[in-house]
Amino acid sequence: CVKYRINHFGSESYDSMLQRAQTIAQMSLGREPFYKVSKEVKDVLKSSEDTAGLLDGLQVVFRNMLVEKNKGISLYKDEDLVRSIHAVESARKQIKEGVSPSYAIKNLLIKIGG
């Protein structure tokens, strides 16, 4: 089953949500303290559309990092990026199963950030 979202980045614009996802991804992979990363995510968790948009944005960012890694540009290991993509999908699945979006996103940040 495939689900298409017309405004798939929530209430924020595409560029804005992608920039936010880029910031969160770099902070998480850069092992920033959890409280700093969670502050970045706090206002996105108010809306289910924004939460879905953040997850979409994170997948795009990690995918782009993986593609750039193969061009010799990325600072991160392939395994870390693939693990991060799987963690995003796991968070999306948890939310669909009824887990609180706040809990699922925080769990995602811990999985990505170590």
Protein backbone atom coordinates (compact mmCIF):
# COMPACT_ATOMS: atom_id res chain seq x y z
CA CYS A 1 0.00 0.00 0.00
CA VAL A 2 1.37 3.40 -0.99
CA LYS A 3 0.22 6.65 0.57
CA TYR A 4 0.76 9.93 -1.27
CA ARG A 5 0.67 13.23 0.58
CA ILE A 6 0.08 16.38 -1.45
CA ASN A 7 1.64 18.71 1.13
CA HIS A 8 4.09 16.13 2.43
CA PHE A 9 6.20 18.52 4.46
CA GLY A 10 3.39 19.68 6.75
CA SER A 11 2.61 23.33 7.37
CA GLU A 12 6.17 24.46 6.65
CA SER A 13 7.48 24.92 3.14
CA TYR A 14 9.53 22.21 1.46
CA ASP A 15 12.80 24.14 1.78
CA SER A 16 12.14 25.08 5.39
CA MET A 17 11.35 21.53 6.51
CA LEU A 18 14.28 20.12 4.54
CA GLN A 19 16.61 22.67 6.17
CA ARG A 20 15.27 21.74 9.60
CA ALA A 21 15.76 18.04 8.82
CA GLN A 22 19.32 18.77 7.65
CA THR A 23 20.08 20.58 10.90
CA ILE A 24 18.60 17.79 13.03
CA ALA A 25 20.43 15.10 11.06
CA GLN A 26 23.78 16.85 11.39
CA MET A 27 23.25 17.48 15.10
CA SER A 28 22.25 13.85 15.70
CA LEU A 29 25.03 12.30 13.66
CA GLY A 30 27.47 14.81 15.16
CA ARG A 31 26.57 13.49 18.62
CA GLU A 32 25.20 16.79 19.91
CA PRO A 33 23.63 16.58 23.39
CA PHE A 34 20.09 15.22 23.34
CA TYR A 35 18.55 18.32 24.93
CA LYS A 36 19.83 20.52 22.08
CA VAL A 37 18.47 18.21 19.38
CA SER A 38 15.12 17.81 21.14
CA LYS A 39 14.73 21.62 21.29
CA GLU A 40 15.05 21.67 17.48
CA VAL A 41 12.23 19.11 17.17
CA LYS A 42 9.85 20.39 19.84
CA ASP A 43 7.61 22.65 17.71
CA VAL A 44 7.36 20.08 14.87
CA LEU A 45 5.68 17.59 17.21
CA LYS A 46 2.57 19.79 17.58
CA SER A 47 1.09 18.57 14.29
CA SER A 48 0.93 15.08 12.82
CA GLU A 49 1.48 16.55 9.33
CA ASP A 50 4.61 18.34 10.50
CA THR A 51 5.86 15.18 12.21
CA ALA A 52 5.34 13.19 9.00
CA GLY A 53 7.03 15.99 7.07
CA LEU A 54 10.04 15.87 9.40
CA LEU A 55 10.35 12.11 8.93
CA ASP A 56 10.13 12.55 5.15
CA GLY A 57 12.73 15.31 5.31
CA LEU A 58 15.10 13.19 7.40
CA GLN A 59 14.83 10.35 4.91
CA VAL A 60 15.64 12.71 2.04
CA VAL A 61 18.61 14.17 3.94
CA PHE A 62 20.04 10.75 4.86
CA ARG A 63 19.51 9.52 1.30
CA ASN A 64 21.34 12.56 -0.07
CA MET A 65 24.17 12.03 2.40
CA LEU A 66 24.44 8.42 1.27
CA VAL A 67 24.54 9.43 -2.41
CA GLU A 68 27.14 12.12 -1.71
CA LYS A 69 29.15 9.63 0.35
CA ASN A 70 29.52 7.52 -2.77
CA LYS A 71 30.93 10.62 -4.49
CA GLY A 72 33.48 11.03 -1.68
CA ILE A 73 31.82 14.04 -0.01
CA SER A 74 30.11 12.79 3.18
CA LEU A 75 31.70 12.70 6.62
CA TYR A 76 29.60 9.75 7.79
CA LYS A 77 29.88 5.99 7.29
CA ASP A 78 27.46 4.20 4.98
CA GLU A 79 26.38 1.94 7.85
CA ASP A 80 25.43 4.94 10.01
CA LEU A 81 23.38 6.49 7.23
CA VAL A 82 21.59 3.24 6.38
CA ARG A 83 20.93 2.63 10.08
CA SER A 84 19.49 6.15 10.32
CA ILE A 85 17.17 5.56 7.36
CA HIS A 86 15.92 2.35 8.98
CA ALA A 87 15.43 4.19 12.28
CA VAL A 88 13.27 6.81 10.53
CA GLU A 89 11.13 4.06 9.00
CA SER A 90 10.87 2.39 12.41
CA ALA A 91 9.67 5.67 13.97
CA ARG A 92 7.09 6.10 11.20
CA LYS A 93 5.85 2.54 11.81
CA GLN A 94 5.64 3.13 15.57
CA ILE A 95 3.54 6.26 15.02
CA LYS A 96 1.18 4.37 12.70
CA GLU A 97 0.83 1.67 15.38
CA GLY A 98 -0.29 4.25 17.95
CA VAL A 99 2.91 5.24 19.73
CA SER A 100 3.04 8.90 20.72
CA PRO A 101 4.81 10.94 18.00
CA SER A 102 6.83 12.69 20.70
CA TYR A 103 8.08 9.38 22.08
CA ALA A 104 8.77 7.94 18.61
CA ILE A 105 10.78 11.00 17.50
CA LYS A 106 12.76 11.14 20.74
CA ASN A 107 13.50 7.43 20.44
CA LEU A 108 14.60 8.07 16.83
CA LEU A 109 16.97 10.84 17.93
CA ILE A 110 18.52 8.52 20.51
CA LYS A 111 18.96 5.74 17.92
CA ILE A 112 20.59 8.12 15.45
CA GLY A 113 22.71 10.03 17.97
CA GLY A 114 23.87 7.04 19.94
